[in-house]
Amino acid sequence: MSEDTKTDLPPDQLSVNPKSDKFDVEVLKRGVGIRFKGRQRTDIEEYSISGGWVRVQAGKTLDRQGNPLTLKLNGPVEAWYEDLGDDAPVRKAD
C-alpha cells in the first residue's frame, strides 16, 4: 500500500466523544462514512474496524454523568473519508 493510500484511509478506531483517547478532531472534520453489516450508518458514536464492533446511542437514555448510554454491536465495519467522493478507498478488516 502506498503512503498516499494510507493517508486516505481513516483510523482503525475512532470516537466522537472528546473524553475518549480515540477522539481526533482533524479526522472528524474530514467526515468519516461508516458501513456496518452492509448498511451505511450515521448514528455511530465509536467504531473499531479490527475489533469488528460499533457503539450506538441507546435512545435518549443518559448515564449518571449525563453522557449518552451506548450499546456495543458486533459485525463487519467499513470506513472511508467522505471528502474524497464516491471512489474513496475503504478501510475494512483484513
PDB file of N, CA and C in Angstrom:
ATOM      1  N   MET A   1       0.853  -1.168   0.000  1.00  0.00           N
ATOM      2  CA  MET A   1       0.000   0.000   0.000  1.00  0.00           C
ATOM      3  C   MET A   1       0.900   1.233   0.000  1.00  0.00           C
ATOM      4  N   SER A   2       0.651   2.199  -0.870  1.00  0.00           N
ATOM      5  CA  SER A   2       1.479   3.390  -0.954  1.00  0.00           C
ATOM      6  C   SER A   2       1.175   4.330   0.207  1.00  0.00           C
ATOM      7  N   GLU A   3       2.073   5.284   0.428  1.00  0.00           N
ATOM      8  CA  GLU A   3       1.900   6.241   1.533  1.00  0.00           C
ATOM      9  C   GLU A   3       0.656   7.099   1.321  1.00  0.00           C
ATOM     10  N   ASP A   4       0.359   7.478   0.066  1.00  0.00           N
ATOM     11  CA  ASP A   4      -0.836   8.275  -0.218  1.00  0.00           C
ATOM     12  C   ASP A   4      -2.101   7.516   0.140  1.00  0.00           C
ATOM     13  N   THR A   5      -2.134   6.214  -0.146  1.00  0.00           N
ATOM     14  CA  THR A   5      -3.313   5.410   0.157  1.00  0.00           C
ATOM     15  C   THR A   5      -3.504   5.296   1.662  1.00  0.00           C
ATOM     16  N   LYS A   6      -2.414   5.160   2.422  1.00  0.00           N
ATOM     17  CA  LYS A   6      -2.519   5.067   3.878  1.00  0.00           C
ATOM     18  C   LYS A   6      -3.115   6.332   4.479  1.00  0.00           C
ATOM     19  N   THR A   7      -2.761   7.504   3.955  1.00  0.00           N
ATOM     20  CA  THR A   7      -3.300   8.750   4.492  1.00  0.00           C
ATOM     21  C   THR A   7      -4.742   8.961   4.055  1.00  0.00           C
ATOM     22  N   ASP A   8      -5.184   8.254   3.035  1.00  0.00           N
ATOM     23  CA  ASP A   8      -6.558   8.363   2.556  1.00  0.00           C
ATOM     24  C   ASP A   8      -7.505   7.406   3.268  1.00  0.00           C
ATOM     25  N   LEU A   9      -6.984   6.620   4.220  1.00  0.00           N
ATOM     26  CA  LEU A   9      -7.817   5.688   4.978  1.00  0.00           C
ATOM     27  C   LEU A   9      -8.016   6.224   6.393  1.00  0.00           C
ATOM     28  N   PRO A  10      -9.231   6.161   6.906  1.00  0.00           N
ATOM     29  CA  PRO A  10      -9.469   6.611   8.285  1.00  0.00           C
ATOM     30  C   PRO A  10      -8.800   5.670   9.287  1.00  0.00           C
ATOM     31  N   PRO A  11      -8.668   6.104  10.548  1.00  0.00           N
ATOM     32  CA  PRO A  11      -8.024   5.251  11.550  1.00  0.00           C
ATOM     33  C   PRO A  11      -8.836   3.995  11.851  1.00  0.00           C
ATOM     34  N   ASP A  12      -8.159   3.010  12.443  1.00  0.00           N
ATOM     35  CA  ASP A  12      -8.800   1.740  12.795  1.00  0.00           C
ATOM     36  C   ASP A  12      -9.877   1.941  13.863  1.00  0.00           C
ATOM     37  N   GLN A  13      -9.641   2.864  14.781  1.00  0.00           N
ATOM     38  CA  GLN A  13     -10.625   3.163  15.828  1.00  0.00           C
ATOM     39  C   GLN A  13     -10.834   4.661  15.892  1.00  0.00           C
ATOM     40  N   LEU A  14     -12.087   5.071  16.133  1.00  0.00           N
ATOM     41  CA  LEU A  14     -12.408   6.488  16.218  1.00  0.00           C
ATOM     42  C   LEU A  14     -13.635   6.667  17.086  1.00  0.00           C
ATOM     43  N   SER A  15     -13.660   7.767  17.853  1.00  0.00           N
ATOM     44  CA  SER A  15     -14.791   8.084  18.715  1.00  0.00           C
ATOM     45  C   SER A  15     -15.179   9.543  18.522  1.00  0.00           C
ATOM     46  N   VAL A  16     -16.458   9.847  18.675  1.00  0.00           N
ATOM     47  CA  VAL A  16     -16.925  11.232  18.600  1.00  0.00           C
ATOM     48  C   VAL A  16     -16.947  11.891  19.982  1.00  0.00           C
ATOM     49  N   ASN A  17     -16.632  11.131  21.036  1.00  0.00           N
ATOM     50  CA  ASN A  17     -16.618  11.645  22.400  1.00  0.00           C
ATOM     51  C   ASN A  17     -15.263  12.304  22.684  1.00  0.00           C
ATOM     52  N   PRO A  18     -15.242  13.614  22.987  1.00  0.00           N
ATOM     53  CA  PRO A  18     -13.967  14.309  23.243  1.00  0.00           C
ATOM     54  C   PRO A  18     -13.194  13.754  24.438  1.00  0.00           C
ATOM     55  N   LYS A  19     -13.839  13.047  25.350  1.00  0.00           N
ATOM     56  CA  LYS A  19     -13.159  12.482  26.519  1.00  0.00           C
ATOM     57  C   LYS A  19     -12.425  11.185  26.193  1.00  0.00           C
ATOM     58  N   SER A  20     -12.683  10.594  25.038  1.00  0.00           N
ATOM     59  CA  SER A  20     -12.082   9.324  24.645  1.00  0.00           C
ATOM     60  C   SER A  20     -10.670   9.538  24.104  1.00  0.00           C
ATOM     61  N   ASP A  21      -9.785   8.559  24.329  1.00  0.00           N
ATOM     62  CA  ASP A  21      -8.445   8.626  23.756  1.00  0.00           C
ATOM     63  C   ASP A  21      -8.455   8.346  22.251  1.00  0.00           C
ATOM     64  N   LYS A  22      -9.568   7.876  21.721  1.00  0.00           N
ATOM     65  CA  LYS A  22      -9.714   7.606  20.281  1.00  0.00           C
ATOM     66  C   LYS A  22     -10.316   8.799  19.529  1.00  0.00           C
ATOM     67  N   PHE A  23     -10.542   9.908  20.212  1.00  0.00           N
ATOM     68  CA  PHE A  23     -11.103  11.117  19.613  1.00  0.00           C
ATOM     69  C   PHE A  23     -10.026  11.838  18.809  1.00  0.00           C
ATOM     70  N   ASP A  24     -10.351  12.253  17.575  1.00  0.00           N
ATOM     71  CA  ASP A  24      -9.432  13.004  16.722  1.00  0.00           C
ATOM     72  C   ASP A  24     -10.235  14.029  15.928  1.00  0.00           C
ATOM     73  N   VAL A  25     -10.129  15.288  16.323  1.00  0.00           N
ATOM     74  CA  VAL A  25     -10.945  16.338  15.714  1.00  0.00           C
ATOM     75  C   VAL A  25     -10.616  16.535  14.235  1.00  0.00           C
ATOM     76  N   GLU A  26      -9.353  16.388  13.840  1.00  0.00           N
ATOM     77  CA  GLU A  26      -8.977  16.589  12.442  1.00  0.00           C
ATOM     78  C   GLU A  26      -9.601  15.524  11.539  1.00  0.00           C
ATOM     79  N   VAL A  27      -9.639  14.299  12.007  1.00  0.00           N
ATOM     80  CA  VAL A  27     -10.262  13.216  11.234  1.00  0.00           C
ATOM     81  C   VAL A  27     -11.766  13.458  11.132  1.00  0.00           C
ATOM     82  N   LEU A  28     -12.384  13.858  12.237  1.00  0.00           N
ATOM     83  CA  LEU A  28     -13.832  14.087  12.232  1.00  0.00           C
ATOM     84  C   LEU A  28     -14.223  15.263  11.340  1.00  0.00           C
ATOM     85  N   LYS A  29     -13.353  16.267  11.232  1.00  0.00           N
ATOM     86  CA  LYS A  29     -13.627  17.409  10.345  1.00  0.00           C
ATOM     87  C   LYS A  29     -13.712  16.959   8.882  1.00  0.00           C
ATOM     88  N   ARG A  30     -12.920  15.960   8.516  1.00  0.00           N
ATOM     89  CA  ARG A  30     -12.941  15.454   7.136  1.00  0.00           C
ATOM     90  C   ARG A  30     -14.233  14.708   6.833  1.00  0.00           C
ATOM     91  N   GLY A  31     -14.832  14.122   7.855  1.00  0.00           N
ATOM     92  CA  GLY A  31     -16.046  13.337   7.667  1.00  0.00           C
ATOM     93  C   GLY A  31     -15.700  11.882   7.379  1.00  0.00           C
ATOM     94  N   VAL A  32     -16.202  10.998   8.197  1.00  0.00           N
ATOM     95  CA  VAL A  32     -15.937   9.568   8.048  1.00  0.00           C
ATOM     96  C   VAL A  32     -17.260   8.855   7.812  1.00  0.00           C
ATOM     97  N   GLY A  33     -17.353   8.143   6.699  1.00  0.00           N
ATOM     98  CA  GLY A  33     -18.529   7.330   6.414  1.00  0.00           C
ATOM     99  C   GLY A  33     -18.341   5.951   7.020  1.00  0.00           C
ATOM    100  N   ILE A  34     -19.406   5.392   7.581  1.00  0.00           N
ATOM    101  CA  ILE A  34     -19.349   4.082   8.227  1.00  0.00           C
ATOM    102  C   ILE A  34     -20.397   3.165   7.605  1.00  0.00           C
ATOM    103  N   ARG A  35     -19.962   1.956   7.255  1.00  0.00           N
ATOM    104  CA  ARG A  35     -20.883   0.914   6.811  1.00  0.00           C
ATOM    105  C   ARG A  35     -20.761  -0.230   7.820  1.00  0.00           C
ATOM    106  N   PHE A  36     -21.891  -0.589   8.433  1.00  0.00           N
ATOM    107  CA  PHE A  36     -21.912  -1.655   9.434  1.00  0.00           C
ATOM    108  C   PHE A  36     -22.891  -2.723   8.975  1.00  0.00           C
ATOM    109  N   LYS A  37     -22.396  -3.944   8.840  1.00  0.00           N
ATOM    110  CA  LYS A  37     -23.189  -5.078   8.350  1.00  0.00           C
ATOM    111  C   LYS A  37     -23.832  -4.762   6.998  1.00  0.00           C
ATOM    112  N   GLY A  38     -23.078  -4.085   6.135  1.00  0.00           N
ATOM    113  CA  GLY A  38     -23.540  -3.809   4.787  1.00  0.00           C
ATOM    114  C   GLY A  38     -24.474  -2.618   4.648  1.00  0.00           C
ATOM    115  N   ARG A  39     -24.762  -1.910   5.748  1.00  0.00           N
ATOM    116  CA  ARG A  39     -25.676  -0.766   5.703  1.00  0.00           C
ATOM    117  C   ARG A  39     -24.963   0.488   6.176  1.00  0.00           C
ATOM    118  N   GLN A  40     -25.066   1.566   5.424  1.00  0.00           N
ATOM    119  CA  GLN A  40     -24.433   2.821   5.820  1.00  0.00           C
ATOM    120  C   GLN A  40     -25.159   3.399   7.027  1.00  0.00           C
ATOM    121  N   ARG A  41     -24.376   3.797   8.046  1.00  0.00           N
ATOM    122  CA  ARG A  41     -24.946   4.298   9.299  1.00  0.00           C
ATOM    123  C   ARG A  41     -24.425   5.699   9.581  1.00  0.00           C
ATOM    124  N   THR A  42     -25.266   6.532  10.182  1.00  0.00           N
ATOM    125  CA  THR A  42     -24.857   7.878  10.563  1.00  0.00           C
ATOM    126  C   THR A  42     -24.966   8.103  12.073  1.00  0.00           C
ATOM    127  N   ASP A  43     -25.347   7.060  12.815  1.00  0.00           N
ATOM    128  CA  ASP A  43     -25.559   7.203  14.258  1.00  0.00           C
ATOM    129  C   ASP A  43     -24.471   6.531  15.092  1.00  0.00           C
ATOM    130  N   ILE A  44     -23.287   6.345  14.534  1.00  0.00           N
ATOM    131  CA  ILE A  44     -22.203   5.652  15.224  1.00  0.00           C
ATOM    132  C   ILE A  44     -21.487   6.622  16.163  1.00  0.00           C
ATOM    133  N   GLU A  45     -21.320   6.221  17.423  1.00  0.00           N
ATOM    134  CA  GLU A  45     -20.593   7.019  18.419  1.00  0.00           C
ATOM    135  C   GLU A  45     -19.105   6.667  18.415  1.00  0.00           C
ATOM    136  N   GLU A  46     -18.786   5.397  18.193  1.00  0.00           N
ATOM    137  CA  GLU A  46     -17.410   4.910  18.204  1.00  0.00           C
ATOM    138  C   GLU A  46     -17.360   3.634  17.373  1.00  0.00           C
ATOM    139  N   TYR A  47     -16.194   3.371  16.746  1.00  0.00           N
ATOM    140  CA  TYR A  47     -16.058   2.135  15.992  1.00  0.00           C
ATOM    141  C   TYR A  47     -14.657   1.569  16.128  1.00  0.00           C
ATOM    142  N   SER A  48     -14.531   0.281  15.861  1.00  0.00           N
ATOM    143  CA  SER A  48     -13.249  -0.404  15.775  1.00  0.00           C
ATOM    144  C   SER A  48     -13.344  -1.381  14.600  1.00  0.00           C
ATOM    145  N   ILE A  49     -12.569  -1.116  13.576  1.00  0.00           N
ATOM    146  CA  ILE A  49     -12.603  -1.975  12.393  1.00  0.00           C
ATOM    147  C   ILE A  49     -11.976  -3.333  12.705  1.00  0.00           C
ATOM    148  N   SER A  50     -10.787  -3.338  13.326  1.00  0.00           N
ATOM    149  CA  SER A  50     -10.119  -4.604  13.628  1.00  0.00           C
ATOM    150  C   SER A  50     -10.881  -5.407  14.678  1.00  0.00           C
ATOM    151  N   GLY A  51     -11.554  -4.726  15.595  1.00  0.00           N
ATOM    152  CA  GLY A  51     -12.335  -5.412  16.623  1.00  0.00           C
ATOM    153  C   GLY A  51     -13.696  -5.872  16.127  1.00  0.00           C
ATOM    154  N   GLY A  52     -14.157  -5.299  15.022  1.00  0.00           N
ATOM    155  CA  GLY A  52     -15.439  -5.682  14.442  1.00  0.00           C
ATOM    156  C   GLY A  52     -16.628  -5.255  15.287  1.00  0.00           C
ATOM    157  N   TRP A  53     -16.621  -3.984  15.781  1.00  0.00           N
ATOM    158  CA  TRP A  53     -17.747  -3.513  16.582  1.00  0.00           C
ATOM    159  C   TRP A  53     -17.956  -2.015  16.391  1.00  0.00           C
ATOM    160  N   VAL A  54     -19.165  -1.581  16.717  1.00  0.00           N
ATOM    161  CA  VAL A  54     -19.522  -0.170  16.757  1.00  0.00           C
ATOM    162  C   VAL A  54     -20.293   0.087  18.047  1.00  0.00           C
ATOM    163  N   ARG A  55     -20.305   1.335  18.479  1.00  0.00           N
ATOM    164  CA  ARG A  55     -21.135   1.753  19.607  1.00  0.00           C
ATOM    165  C   ARG A  55     -22.160   2.753  19.083  1.00  0.00           C
ATOM    166  N   VAL A  56     -23.423   2.532  19.429  1.00  0.00           N
ATOM    167  CA  VAL A  56     -24.506   3.430  19.043  1.00  0.00           C
ATOM    168  C   VAL A  56     -25.243   3.865  20.293  1.00  0.00           C
ATOM    169  N   GLN A  57     -25.831   5.039  20.229  1.00  0.00           N
ATOM    170  CA  GLN A  57     -26.569   5.569  21.367  1.00  0.00           C
ATOM    171  C   GLN A  57     -27.853   4.778  21.573  1.00  0.00           C
ATOM    172  N   ALA A  58     -28.158   4.466  22.847  1.00  0.00           N
ATOM    173  CA  ALA A  58     -29.361   3.699  23.211  1.00  0.00           C
ATOM    174  C   ALA A  58     -30.507   4.664  23.486  1.00  0.00           C
ATOM    175  N   GLY A  59     -31.153   5.115  22.434  1.00  0.00           N
ATOM    176  CA  GLY A  59     -32.259   6.046  22.589  1.00  0.00           C
ATOM    177  C   GLY A  59     -31.802   7.370  23.183  1.00  0.00           C
ATOM    178  N   LYS A  60     -32.597   7.917  24.090  1.00  0.00           N
ATOM    179  CA  LYS A  60     -32.246   9.186  24.733  1.00  0.00           C
ATOM    180  C   LYS A  60     -31.762   8.974  26.165  1.00  0.00           C
ATOM    181  N   THR A  61     -31.453   7.719  26.503  1.00  0.00           N
ATOM    182  CA  THR A  61     -31.028   7.374  27.848  1.00  0.00           C
ATOM    183  C   THR A  61     -29.638   7.941  28.143  1.00  0.00           C
ATOM    184  N   LEU A  62     -29.471   8.496  29.360  1.00  0.00           N
ATOM    185  CA  LEU A  62     -28.197   9.058  29.790  1.00  0.00           C
ATOM    186  C   LEU A  62     -27.696   8.320  31.023  1.00  0.00           C
ATOM    187  N   ASP A  63     -26.361   8.298  31.180  1.00  0.00           N
ATOM    188  CA  ASP A  63     -25.799   7.701  32.396  1.00  0.00           C
ATOM    189  C   ASP A  63     -25.765   8.755  33.512  1.00  0.00           C
ATOM    190  N   ARG A  64     -25.178   8.428  34.648  1.00  0.00           N
ATOM    191  CA  ARG A  64     -25.167   9.337  35.806  1.00  0.00           C
ATOM    192  C   ARG A  64     -24.427  10.637  35.546  1.00  0.00           C
ATOM    193  N   GLN A  65     -23.450  10.614  34.652  1.00  0.00           N
ATOM    194  CA  GLN A  65     -22.682  11.814  34.336  1.00  0.00           C
ATOM    195  C   GLN A  65     -23.314  12.636  33.208  1.00  0.00           C
ATOM    196  N   GLY A  66     -24.443  12.194  32.695  1.00  0.00           N
ATOM    197  CA  GLY A  66     -25.125  12.917  31.624  1.00  0.00           C
ATOM    198  C   GLY A  66     -24.659  12.549  30.229  1.00  0.00           C
ATOM    199  N   ASN A  67     -23.836  11.514  30.118  1.00  0.00           N
ATOM    200  CA  ASN A  67     -23.376  11.043  28.805  1.00  0.00           C
ATOM    201  C   ASN A  67     -24.383  10.066  28.219  1.00  0.00           C
ATOM    202  N   PRO A  68     -24.499  10.011  26.900  1.00  0.00           N
ATOM    203  CA  PRO A  68     -25.428   9.052  26.290  1.00  0.00           C
ATOM    204  C   PRO A  68     -25.033   7.620  26.615  1.00  0.00           C
ATOM    205  N   LEU A  69     -26.017   6.799  26.922  1.00  0.00           N
ATOM    206  CA  LEU A  69     -25.792   5.378  27.140  1.00  0.00           C
ATOM    207  C   LEU A  69     -25.638   4.730  25.766  1.00  0.00           C
ATOM    208  N   THR A  70     -24.625   3.869  25.602  1.00  0.00           N
ATOM    209  CA  THR A  70     -24.367   3.272  24.294  1.00  0.00           C
ATOM    210  C   THR A  70     -24.452   1.754  24.349  1.00  0.00           C
ATOM    211  N   LEU A  71     -24.733   1.178  23.196  1.00  0.00           N
ATOM    212  CA  LEU A  71     -24.753  -0.270  23.024  1.00  0.00           C
ATOM    213  C   LEU A  71     -23.619  -0.650  22.085  1.00  0.00           C
ATOM    214  N   LYS A  72     -22.945  -1.752  22.392  1.00  0.00           N
ATOM    215  CA  LYS A  72     -21.879  -2.260  21.533  1.00  0.00           C
ATOM    216  C   LYS A  72     -22.464  -3.343  20.639  1.00  0.00           C
ATOM    217  N   LEU A  73     -22.367  -3.128  19.322  1.00  0.00           N
ATOM    218  CA  LEU A  73     -22.871  -4.086  18.339  1.00  0.00           C
ATOM    219  C   LEU A  73     -21.695  -4.701  17.594  1.00  0.00           C
ATOM    220  N   ASN A  74     -21.706  -6.009  17.405  1.00  0.00           N
ATOM    221  CA  ASN A  74     -20.625  -6.714  16.718  1.00  0.00           C
ATOM    222  C   ASN A  74     -21.003  -7.037  15.276  1.00  0.00           C
ATOM    223  N   GLY A  75     -20.011  -6.918  14.390  1.00  0.00           N
ATOM    224  CA  GLY A  75     -20.217  -7.225  12.984  1.00  0.00           C
ATOM    225  C   GLY A  75     -19.148  -6.556  12.141  1.00  0.00           C
ATOM    226  N   PRO A  76     -19.162  -6.787  10.832  1.00  0.00           N
ATOM    227  CA  PRO A  76     -18.154  -6.189   9.949  1.00  0.00           C
ATOM    228  C   PRO A  76     -18.343  -4.671   9.829  1.00  0.00           C
ATOM    229  N   VAL A  77     -17.227  -3.949   9.960  1.00  0.00           N
ATOM    230  CA  VAL A  77     -17.234  -2.483   9.906  1.00  0.00           C
ATOM    231  C   VAL A  77     -16.335  -2.029   8.767  1.00  0.00           C
ATOM    232  N   GLU A  78     -16.795  -1.051   7.991  1.00  0.00           N
ATOM    233  CA  GLU A  78     -16.004  -0.437   6.936  1.00  0.00           C
ATOM    234  C   GLU A  78     -16.059   1.065   7.118  1.00  0.00           C
ATOM    235  N   ALA A  79     -14.950   1.760   6.831  1.00  0.00           N
ATOM    236  CA  ALA A  79     -14.902   3.217   6.991  1.00  0.00           C
ATOM    237  C   ALA A  79     -14.164   3.857   5.827  1.00  0.00           C
ATOM    238  N   TRP A  80     -14.536   5.086   5.498  1.00  0.00           N
ATOM    239  CA  TRP A  80     -13.899   5.851   4.428  1.00  0.00           C
ATOM    240  C   TRP A  80     -14.069   7.330   4.718  1.00  0.00           C
ATOM    241  N   TYR A  81     -13.222   8.155   4.090  1.00  0.00           N
ATOM    242  CA  TYR A  81     -13.351   9.610   4.212  1.00  0.00           C
ATOM    243  C   TYR A  81     -14.382  10.094   3.207  1.00  0.00           C
ATOM    244  N   GLU A  82     -15.364  10.808   3.694  1.00  0.00           N
ATOM    245  CA  GLU A  82     -16.432  11.298   2.819  1.00  0.00           C
ATOM    246  C   GLU A  82     -15.970  12.429   1.909  1.00  0.00           C
ATOM    247  N   ASP A  83     -14.910  13.158   2.299  1.00  0.00           N
ATOM    248  CA  ASP A  83     -14.451  14.274   1.474  1.00  0.00           C
ATOM    249  C   ASP A  83     -13.716  13.822   0.208  1.00  0.00           C
ATOM    250  N   LEU A  84     -13.484  12.523   0.062  1.00  0.00           N
ATOM    251  CA  LEU A  84     -12.809  12.007  -1.137  1.00  0.00           C
ATOM    252  C   LEU A  84     -13.776  11.589  -2.236  1.00  0.00           C
ATOM    253  N   GLY A  85     -15.070  11.720  -1.981  1.00  0.00           N
ATOM    254  CA  GLY A  85     -16.059  11.411  -3.005  1.00  0.00           C
ATOM    255  C   GLY A  85     -16.498   9.961  -3.018  1.00  0.00           C
ATOM    256  N   ASP A  86     -17.151   9.572  -4.109  1.00  0.00           N
ATOM    257  CA  ASP A  86     -17.728   8.229  -4.224  1.00  0.00           C
ATOM    258  C   ASP A  86     -16.701   7.117  -4.415  1.00  0.00           C
ATOM    259  N   ASP A  87     -15.513   7.457  -4.940  1.00  0.00           N
ATOM    260  CA  ASP A  87     -14.497   6.445  -5.197  1.00  0.00           C
ATOM    261  C   ASP A  87     -13.422   6.400  -4.116  1.00  0.00           C
ATOM    262  N   ALA A  88     -13.756   6.822  -2.914  1.00  0.00           N
ATOM    263  CA  ALA A  88     -12.790   6.855  -1.804  1.00  0.00           C
ATOM    264  C   ALA A  88     -12.362   5.443  -1.422  1.00  0.00           C
ATOM    265  N   PRO A  89     -11.070   5.258  -1.058  1.00  0.00           N
ATOM    266  CA  PRO A  89     -10.643   3.936  -0.590  1.00  0.00           C
ATOM    267  C   PRO A  89     -11.323   3.592   0.734  1.00  0.00           C
ATOM    268  N   VAL A  90     -11.711   2.335   0.879  1.00  0.00           N
ATOM    269  CA  VAL A  90     -12.451   1.874   2.059  1.00  0.00           C
ATOM    270  C   VAL A  90     -11.541   1.042   2.933  1.00  0.00           C
ATOM    271  N   ARG A  91     -11.542   1.356   4.225  1.00  0.00           N
ATOM    272  CA  ARG A  91     -10.784   0.546   5.184  1.00  0.00           C
ATOM    273  C   ARG A  91     -11.706  -0.482   5.788  1.00  0.00           C
ATOM    274  N   LYS A  92     -11.291  -1.756   5.735  1.00  0.00           N
ATOM    275  CA  LYS A  92     -12.065  -2.835   6.333  1.00  0.00           C
ATOM    276  C   LYS A  92     -11.119  -3.837   6.960  1.00  0.00           C
ATOM    277  N   ALA A  93     -11.650  -4.741   7.757  1.00  0.00           N
ATOM    278  CA  ALA A  93     -10.831  -5.751   8.432  1.00  0.00           C
ATOM    279  C   ALA A  93     -10.142  -6.634   7.409  1.00  0.00           C
ATOM    280  N   ASP A  94      -8.915  -6.986   7.693  1.00  0.00           N
ATOM    281  CA  ASP A  94      -8.139  -7.829   6.768  1.00  0.00           C
ATOM    282  C   ASP A  94      -8.473  -9.270   6.871  1.00  0.00           C
TER     283      ASP A  94
END
